[in-house]
N, C-alpha and C. Protein backbone atom coordinates (compact mmCIF):
# COMPACT_ATOMS: atom_id res chain seq x y z
N MET A 1 81.25 0.89 -38.87
CA MET A 1 81.50 0.44 -37.52
C MET A 1 80.18 0.28 -36.77
N GLU A 2 80.04 -0.78 -36.05
CA GLU A 2 78.85 -1.05 -35.26
C GLU A 2 78.79 -0.06 -34.08
N GLU A 3 77.60 0.45 -33.83
CA GLU A 3 77.42 1.39 -32.72
C GLU A 3 77.66 0.69 -31.40
N LYS A 4 78.55 1.22 -30.59
CA LYS A 4 78.90 0.62 -29.30
C LYS A 4 78.24 1.34 -28.13
N LEU A 5 78.12 2.66 -28.24
CA LEU A 5 77.52 3.44 -27.17
C LEU A 5 76.03 3.59 -27.44
N ILE A 6 75.21 3.26 -26.48
CA ILE A 6 73.76 3.23 -26.67
C ILE A 6 73.08 4.57 -26.38
N ARG A 7 73.43 5.20 -25.26
CA ARG A 7 72.81 6.47 -24.91
C ARG A 7 73.66 7.19 -23.87
N VAL A 8 73.39 8.47 -23.67
CA VAL A 8 74.01 9.21 -22.59
C VAL A 8 73.16 8.94 -21.35
N GLY A 9 73.79 8.43 -20.31
CA GLY A 9 73.04 8.08 -19.11
C GLY A 9 73.08 9.14 -18.04
N THR A 10 74.20 9.83 -17.91
CA THR A 10 74.38 10.81 -16.84
C THR A 10 75.14 12.02 -17.35
N THR A 11 74.70 13.18 -16.92
CA THR A 11 75.40 14.42 -17.18
C THR A 11 75.77 15.02 -15.83
N TYR A 12 77.02 15.47 -15.69
CA TYR A 12 77.50 16.08 -14.46
C TYR A 12 77.43 17.59 -14.61
N LEU A 13 76.83 18.25 -13.63
CA LEU A 13 76.71 19.70 -13.64
C LEU A 13 77.34 20.30 -12.39
N PRO A 14 78.18 21.30 -12.55
CA PRO A 14 78.76 21.98 -11.39
C PRO A 14 77.72 22.88 -10.73
N VAL A 15 77.68 22.86 -9.40
CA VAL A 15 76.75 23.72 -8.65
C VAL A 15 77.47 24.35 -7.46
N ARG A 16 76.97 25.49 -7.03
CA ARG A 16 77.53 26.17 -5.85
C ARG A 16 77.02 25.56 -4.56
N ASP A 17 75.71 25.27 -4.52
CA ASP A 17 75.05 24.79 -3.32
C ASP A 17 74.13 23.63 -3.73
N VAL A 18 74.42 22.45 -3.24
CA VAL A 18 73.68 21.25 -3.66
C VAL A 18 72.21 21.36 -3.29
N GLU A 19 71.90 21.71 -2.06
CA GLU A 19 70.51 21.78 -1.61
C GLU A 19 69.70 22.81 -2.39
N GLU A 20 70.26 23.99 -2.57
CA GLU A 20 69.59 25.05 -3.34
C GLU A 20 69.36 24.59 -4.79
N SER A 21 70.33 23.91 -5.36
CA SER A 21 70.22 23.46 -6.75
C SER A 21 69.15 22.39 -6.90
N VAL A 22 69.12 21.43 -5.97
CA VAL A 22 68.08 20.39 -6.02
C VAL A 22 66.71 21.05 -5.97
N ASP A 23 66.53 21.96 -5.04
CA ASP A 23 65.24 22.66 -4.91
C ASP A 23 64.87 23.35 -6.22
N TRP A 24 65.85 24.02 -6.85
CA TRP A 24 65.59 24.74 -8.10
C TRP A 24 65.14 23.79 -9.21
N TYR A 25 65.85 22.69 -9.39
CA TYR A 25 65.52 21.74 -10.47
C TYR A 25 64.18 21.05 -10.22
N VAL A 26 63.90 20.70 -8.98
CA VAL A 26 62.62 20.04 -8.66
C VAL A 26 61.47 21.02 -8.86
N ARG A 27 61.60 22.22 -8.31
CA ARG A 27 60.54 23.22 -8.36
C ARG A 27 60.30 23.77 -9.77
N ASN A 28 61.36 24.06 -10.50
CA ASN A 28 61.21 24.74 -11.79
C ASN A 28 61.13 23.82 -13.00
N LEU A 29 61.76 22.65 -12.94
CA LEU A 29 61.78 21.77 -14.12
C LEU A 29 61.11 20.42 -13.87
N GLY A 30 60.63 20.20 -12.66
CA GLY A 30 59.93 18.94 -12.37
C GLY A 30 60.84 17.74 -12.22
N ALA A 31 62.11 17.97 -11.89
CA ALA A 31 63.07 16.87 -11.71
C ALA A 31 62.67 16.04 -10.49
N ALA A 32 63.06 14.78 -10.50
CA ALA A 32 62.84 13.88 -9.37
C ALA A 32 64.18 13.62 -8.69
N LEU A 33 64.22 13.78 -7.39
CA LEU A 33 65.44 13.56 -6.62
C LEU A 33 65.62 12.08 -6.33
N SER A 34 66.82 11.54 -6.64
CA SER A 34 67.14 10.14 -6.36
C SER A 34 68.06 9.98 -5.17
N TYR A 35 69.00 10.94 -4.99
CA TYR A 35 70.00 10.84 -3.93
C TYR A 35 70.55 12.23 -3.65
N GLN A 36 70.90 12.47 -2.37
CA GLN A 36 71.52 13.74 -2.04
C GLN A 36 72.38 13.61 -0.80
N ASP A 37 73.57 14.20 -0.86
CA ASP A 37 74.40 14.40 0.33
C ASP A 37 74.97 15.81 0.23
N LYS A 38 75.95 16.16 1.05
CA LYS A 38 76.47 17.53 1.07
C LYS A 38 77.29 17.89 -0.17
N GLN A 39 77.85 16.88 -0.86
CA GLN A 39 78.74 17.12 -2.00
C GLN A 39 78.08 16.94 -3.36
N LYS A 40 76.98 16.19 -3.40
CA LYS A 40 76.37 15.89 -4.70
C LYS A 40 74.91 15.48 -4.52
N ALA A 41 74.20 15.51 -5.63
CA ALA A 41 72.83 15.01 -5.69
C ALA A 41 72.62 14.38 -7.05
N ILE A 42 71.71 13.43 -7.11
CA ILE A 42 71.32 12.82 -8.38
C ILE A 42 69.85 13.14 -8.60
N ILE A 43 69.58 13.79 -9.72
CA ILE A 43 68.20 14.07 -10.10
C ILE A 43 67.91 13.39 -11.43
N ASN A 44 66.66 13.08 -11.67
CA ASN A 44 66.23 12.50 -12.94
C ASN A 44 65.35 13.52 -13.65
N LEU A 45 65.69 13.75 -14.91
CA LEU A 45 65.02 14.78 -15.70
C LEU A 45 65.25 14.46 -17.17
N ALA A 46 64.21 14.54 -17.96
CA ALA A 46 64.31 14.38 -19.42
C ALA A 46 64.94 13.03 -19.79
N ASP A 47 64.50 11.98 -19.12
CA ASP A 47 64.93 10.61 -19.43
C ASP A 47 66.44 10.43 -19.23
N GLN A 48 67.00 11.13 -18.23
CA GLN A 48 68.43 11.08 -17.98
C GLN A 48 68.68 11.41 -16.50
N SER A 49 69.81 10.96 -16.00
CA SER A 49 70.24 11.34 -14.66
C SER A 49 71.23 12.49 -14.76
N PHE A 50 71.11 13.41 -13.81
CA PHE A 50 72.04 14.52 -13.70
C PHE A 50 72.66 14.48 -12.32
N PHE A 51 73.99 14.50 -12.27
CA PHE A 51 74.71 14.61 -11.00
C PHE A 51 75.00 16.09 -10.78
N LEU A 52 74.46 16.64 -9.72
CA LEU A 52 74.74 18.02 -9.34
C LEU A 52 75.89 17.96 -8.35
N VAL A 53 77.05 18.43 -8.75
CA VAL A 53 78.28 18.26 -7.98
C VAL A 53 78.75 19.61 -7.44
N LYS A 54 78.90 19.69 -6.12
CA LYS A 54 79.42 20.94 -5.51
C LYS A 54 80.80 21.21 -6.08
N SER A 55 80.96 22.41 -6.62
CA SER A 55 82.19 22.75 -7.35
C SER A 55 82.80 24.04 -6.82
N GLN A 56 83.97 24.33 -7.31
CA GLN A 56 84.63 25.57 -6.94
C GLN A 56 83.84 26.76 -7.48
N GLN A 57 83.99 27.89 -6.84
CA GLN A 57 83.29 29.11 -7.22
C GLN A 57 83.52 29.44 -8.70
N GLY A 58 82.46 29.82 -9.38
CA GLY A 58 82.57 30.29 -10.76
C GLY A 58 82.54 29.20 -11.83
N GLN A 59 82.43 27.95 -11.45
CA GLN A 59 82.40 26.86 -12.42
C GLN A 59 81.00 26.71 -13.03
N THR A 60 80.93 26.53 -14.34
CA THR A 60 79.67 26.18 -15.02
C THR A 60 80.00 25.18 -16.11
N ALA A 61 78.96 24.61 -16.68
CA ALA A 61 79.12 23.67 -17.79
C ALA A 61 79.22 24.39 -19.13
N ASN A 62 79.15 25.71 -19.13
CA ASN A 62 79.21 26.51 -20.36
C ASN A 62 80.64 26.58 -20.89
N PHE A 63 80.77 26.95 -22.15
CA PHE A 63 82.09 27.15 -22.75
C PHE A 63 82.02 28.27 -23.77
N HIS A 64 83.18 28.79 -24.15
CA HIS A 64 83.26 29.84 -25.17
C HIS A 64 83.68 29.21 -26.50
N ASP A 65 82.95 29.56 -27.56
CA ASP A 65 83.32 29.08 -28.89
C ASP A 65 84.48 29.92 -29.44
N GLU A 66 84.92 29.62 -30.65
CA GLU A 66 86.09 30.30 -31.21
C GLU A 66 85.87 31.80 -31.41
N ASN A 67 84.61 32.24 -31.45
CA ASN A 67 84.31 33.67 -31.59
C ASN A 67 84.19 34.36 -30.23
N GLY A 68 84.34 33.58 -29.16
CA GLY A 68 84.23 34.14 -27.83
C GLY A 68 82.82 34.15 -27.27
N ASP A 69 81.86 33.61 -28.03
CA ASP A 69 80.47 33.57 -27.56
C ASP A 69 80.29 32.39 -26.61
N ILE A 70 79.52 32.60 -25.55
CA ILE A 70 79.27 31.54 -24.59
C ILE A 70 78.24 30.56 -25.17
N GLN A 71 78.48 29.28 -24.96
CA GLN A 71 77.63 28.23 -25.50
C GLN A 71 77.14 27.29 -24.40
N ALA A 72 75.94 26.78 -24.58
CA ALA A 72 75.41 25.74 -23.70
C ALA A 72 76.03 24.41 -24.10
N SER A 73 76.20 23.53 -23.15
CA SER A 73 76.76 22.22 -23.46
C SER A 73 75.68 21.15 -23.59
N LEU A 74 74.41 21.54 -23.44
CA LEU A 74 73.32 20.57 -23.46
C LEU A 74 72.08 21.18 -24.06
N THR A 75 71.39 20.43 -24.90
CA THR A 75 70.12 20.85 -25.48
C THR A 75 69.02 19.91 -25.05
N PHE A 76 67.97 20.47 -24.44
CA PHE A 76 66.75 19.71 -24.16
C PHE A 76 65.85 19.80 -25.38
N GLU A 77 65.02 18.78 -25.59
CA GLU A 77 64.08 18.79 -26.71
C GLU A 77 62.66 18.79 -26.18
N VAL A 78 61.78 19.50 -26.88
CA VAL A 78 60.34 19.45 -26.63
C VAL A 78 59.67 19.08 -27.94
N ASP A 79 58.40 18.74 -27.87
CA ASP A 79 57.68 18.24 -29.04
C ASP A 79 56.91 19.35 -29.75
N GLY A 80 57.63 20.16 -30.52
CA GLY A 80 56.99 21.16 -31.35
C GLY A 80 57.13 22.59 -30.85
N VAL A 81 56.86 23.52 -31.76
CA VAL A 81 56.99 24.94 -31.47
C VAL A 81 55.99 25.37 -30.39
N GLU A 82 54.79 24.80 -30.39
CA GLU A 82 53.80 25.15 -29.37
C GLU A 82 54.31 24.79 -27.98
N ALA A 83 54.88 23.60 -27.82
CA ALA A 83 55.44 23.17 -26.54
C ALA A 83 56.63 24.06 -26.16
N LEU A 84 57.43 24.45 -27.14
CA LEU A 84 58.57 25.34 -26.89
C LEU A 84 58.09 26.69 -26.37
N THR A 85 57.10 27.24 -27.02
CA THR A 85 56.55 28.54 -26.64
C THR A 85 55.93 28.49 -25.24
N GLU A 86 55.23 27.41 -24.95
CA GLU A 86 54.62 27.24 -23.63
C GLU A 86 55.68 27.16 -22.53
N LEU A 87 56.72 26.37 -22.75
CA LEU A 87 57.80 26.26 -21.77
C LEU A 87 58.52 27.59 -21.60
N HIS A 88 58.78 28.27 -22.70
CA HIS A 88 59.44 29.57 -22.68
C HIS A 88 58.67 30.53 -21.77
N SER A 89 57.36 30.62 -21.96
CA SER A 89 56.52 31.51 -21.15
C SER A 89 56.54 31.10 -19.69
N GLU A 90 56.47 29.80 -19.42
CA GLU A 90 56.47 29.29 -18.06
C GLU A 90 57.77 29.66 -17.32
N LEU A 91 58.90 29.49 -17.98
CA LEU A 91 60.18 29.83 -17.35
C LEU A 91 60.28 31.33 -17.07
N ILE A 92 59.83 32.14 -18.00
CA ILE A 92 59.84 33.59 -17.80
C ILE A 92 58.96 33.97 -16.61
N GLU A 93 57.77 33.37 -16.53
CA GLU A 93 56.86 33.65 -15.42
C GLU A 93 57.48 33.28 -14.07
N LYS A 94 58.34 32.28 -14.05
CA LYS A 94 59.01 31.86 -12.82
C LYS A 94 60.22 32.72 -12.50
N GLY A 95 60.53 33.68 -13.38
CA GLY A 95 61.64 34.59 -13.14
C GLY A 95 63.00 34.00 -13.51
N ILE A 96 63.01 32.96 -14.32
CA ILE A 96 64.24 32.31 -14.73
C ILE A 96 64.85 33.09 -15.90
N LYS A 97 66.16 33.30 -15.85
CA LYS A 97 66.86 34.00 -16.94
C LYS A 97 66.67 33.19 -18.22
N THR A 98 65.95 33.76 -19.18
CA THR A 98 65.53 33.06 -20.39
C THR A 98 65.73 33.96 -21.60
N GLY A 99 66.36 33.43 -22.65
CA GLY A 99 66.56 34.19 -23.88
C GLY A 99 65.34 34.17 -24.77
N GLU A 100 65.40 34.92 -25.83
CA GLU A 100 64.31 34.98 -26.82
C GLU A 100 64.24 33.69 -27.63
N ILE A 101 63.07 33.38 -28.16
CA ILE A 101 62.93 32.25 -29.09
C ILE A 101 63.59 32.67 -30.40
N GLU A 102 64.44 31.79 -30.92
CA GLU A 102 65.26 32.12 -32.09
C GLU A 102 65.02 31.17 -33.25
N ASP A 103 65.17 31.70 -34.45
CA ASP A 103 65.25 30.91 -35.67
C ASP A 103 66.73 30.91 -36.05
N ARG A 104 67.39 29.76 -35.91
CA ARG A 104 68.83 29.68 -36.16
C ARG A 104 69.17 29.16 -37.55
N GLY A 105 68.17 29.09 -38.42
CA GLY A 105 68.43 28.69 -39.80
C GLY A 105 68.36 27.20 -40.04
N HIS A 106 67.97 26.44 -39.05
CA HIS A 106 67.76 25.00 -39.21
C HIS A 106 66.32 24.69 -38.79
N PRO A 107 65.84 23.48 -39.01
CA PRO A 107 64.46 23.17 -38.61
C PRO A 107 64.21 23.48 -37.13
N GLY A 108 63.01 23.95 -36.84
CA GLY A 108 62.62 24.21 -35.47
C GLY A 108 63.07 25.56 -34.95
N ARG A 109 62.79 25.79 -33.68
CA ARG A 109 63.16 27.01 -32.98
C ARG A 109 63.87 26.64 -31.69
N ASN A 110 64.62 27.58 -31.15
CA ASN A 110 65.38 27.35 -29.92
C ASN A 110 65.28 28.55 -28.99
N PHE A 111 65.57 28.30 -27.72
CA PHE A 111 65.84 29.37 -26.77
C PHE A 111 66.80 28.83 -25.71
N ILE A 112 67.39 29.76 -24.98
CA ILE A 112 68.36 29.46 -23.94
C ILE A 112 67.76 29.83 -22.59
N PHE A 113 68.09 29.04 -21.55
CA PHE A 113 67.78 29.46 -20.18
C PHE A 113 68.94 29.07 -19.27
N ASN A 114 68.99 29.70 -18.11
CA ASN A 114 70.05 29.44 -17.13
C ASN A 114 69.47 28.90 -15.84
N ASP A 115 70.21 27.98 -15.22
CA ASP A 115 69.81 27.52 -13.89
C ASP A 115 70.33 28.49 -12.84
N VAL A 116 70.08 28.17 -11.59
CA VAL A 116 70.46 29.04 -10.47
C VAL A 116 71.97 29.20 -10.33
N ASN A 117 72.74 28.30 -10.95
CA ASN A 117 74.20 28.33 -10.88
C ASN A 117 74.86 28.99 -12.08
N GLY A 118 74.06 29.41 -13.06
CA GLY A 118 74.62 29.99 -14.28
C GLY A 118 74.87 28.99 -15.38
N ASN A 119 74.53 27.71 -15.14
CA ASN A 119 74.63 26.72 -16.22
C ASN A 119 73.57 27.06 -17.27
N MET A 120 74.00 27.17 -18.51
CA MET A 120 73.12 27.57 -19.60
C MET A 120 72.67 26.32 -20.36
N PHE A 121 71.38 26.28 -20.69
CA PHE A 121 70.81 25.16 -21.44
C PHE A 121 70.07 25.69 -22.65
N ASP A 122 70.12 24.91 -23.72
CA ASP A 122 69.39 25.19 -24.94
C ASP A 122 68.12 24.34 -24.93
N VAL A 123 67.05 24.85 -25.52
CA VAL A 123 65.83 24.07 -25.71
C VAL A 123 65.48 24.15 -27.19
N TRP A 124 65.20 23.00 -27.78
CA TRP A 124 64.92 22.90 -29.22
C TRP A 124 63.53 22.31 -29.42
N SER A 125 62.81 22.81 -30.41
CA SER A 125 61.43 22.38 -30.66
C SER A 125 61.32 21.08 -31.46
N GLU A 126 62.43 20.50 -31.87
CA GLU A 126 62.38 19.29 -32.69
C GLU A 126 62.73 18.05 -31.87
N LEU A 127 61.74 17.28 -31.51
CA LEU A 127 61.93 16.07 -30.72
C LEU A 127 62.57 14.97 -31.57
N SER A 128 63.59 14.32 -31.05
CA SER A 128 64.25 13.23 -31.77
C SER A 128 63.25 12.12 -32.10
N GLN A 129 63.42 11.51 -33.25
CA GLN A 129 62.51 10.49 -33.76
C GLN A 129 62.24 9.39 -32.73
N HIS A 130 63.26 8.96 -32.02
CA HIS A 130 63.13 7.88 -31.05
C HIS A 130 62.11 8.19 -29.95
N PHE A 131 61.92 9.48 -29.63
CA PHE A 131 61.05 9.88 -28.54
C PHE A 131 59.67 10.35 -29.00
N ARG A 132 59.44 10.37 -30.29
CA ARG A 132 58.13 10.82 -30.79
C ARG A 132 57.05 9.83 -30.40
N LYS A 133 55.85 10.39 -30.09
CA LYS A 133 54.70 9.53 -29.75
C LYS A 133 54.28 8.77 -30.98
N LYS A 134 53.98 7.51 -30.76
CA LYS A 134 53.59 6.65 -31.89
C LYS A 134 52.10 6.65 -32.10
């Protein structure tokens, strides 16, 4: 079958407070703000748009797997273990809830971090071929 979908353009993330969330993403991850009102904001980060949507209390993008473990719904990629280690240290220095660097039995290394709303994200040291520097 011919590929019909080209890329993921937007990811929607639940947030408690739009203004606080925009500030967090801009300050901590270098996101660029495109639009903001009281109910939502659009930020650009990692070659993608993210809609930060004011949600009901306790909502996150996380989910529980069949073993009951909480999982991130999104993985960011960096270019190599050195870049992963550098980002890991930077997030810890900023006081962001950040897990240990892990070897999960596949190529590369990973770690988890949480945003101000409890949304959990994975970071992987293996950059997709399409984004590698030529």
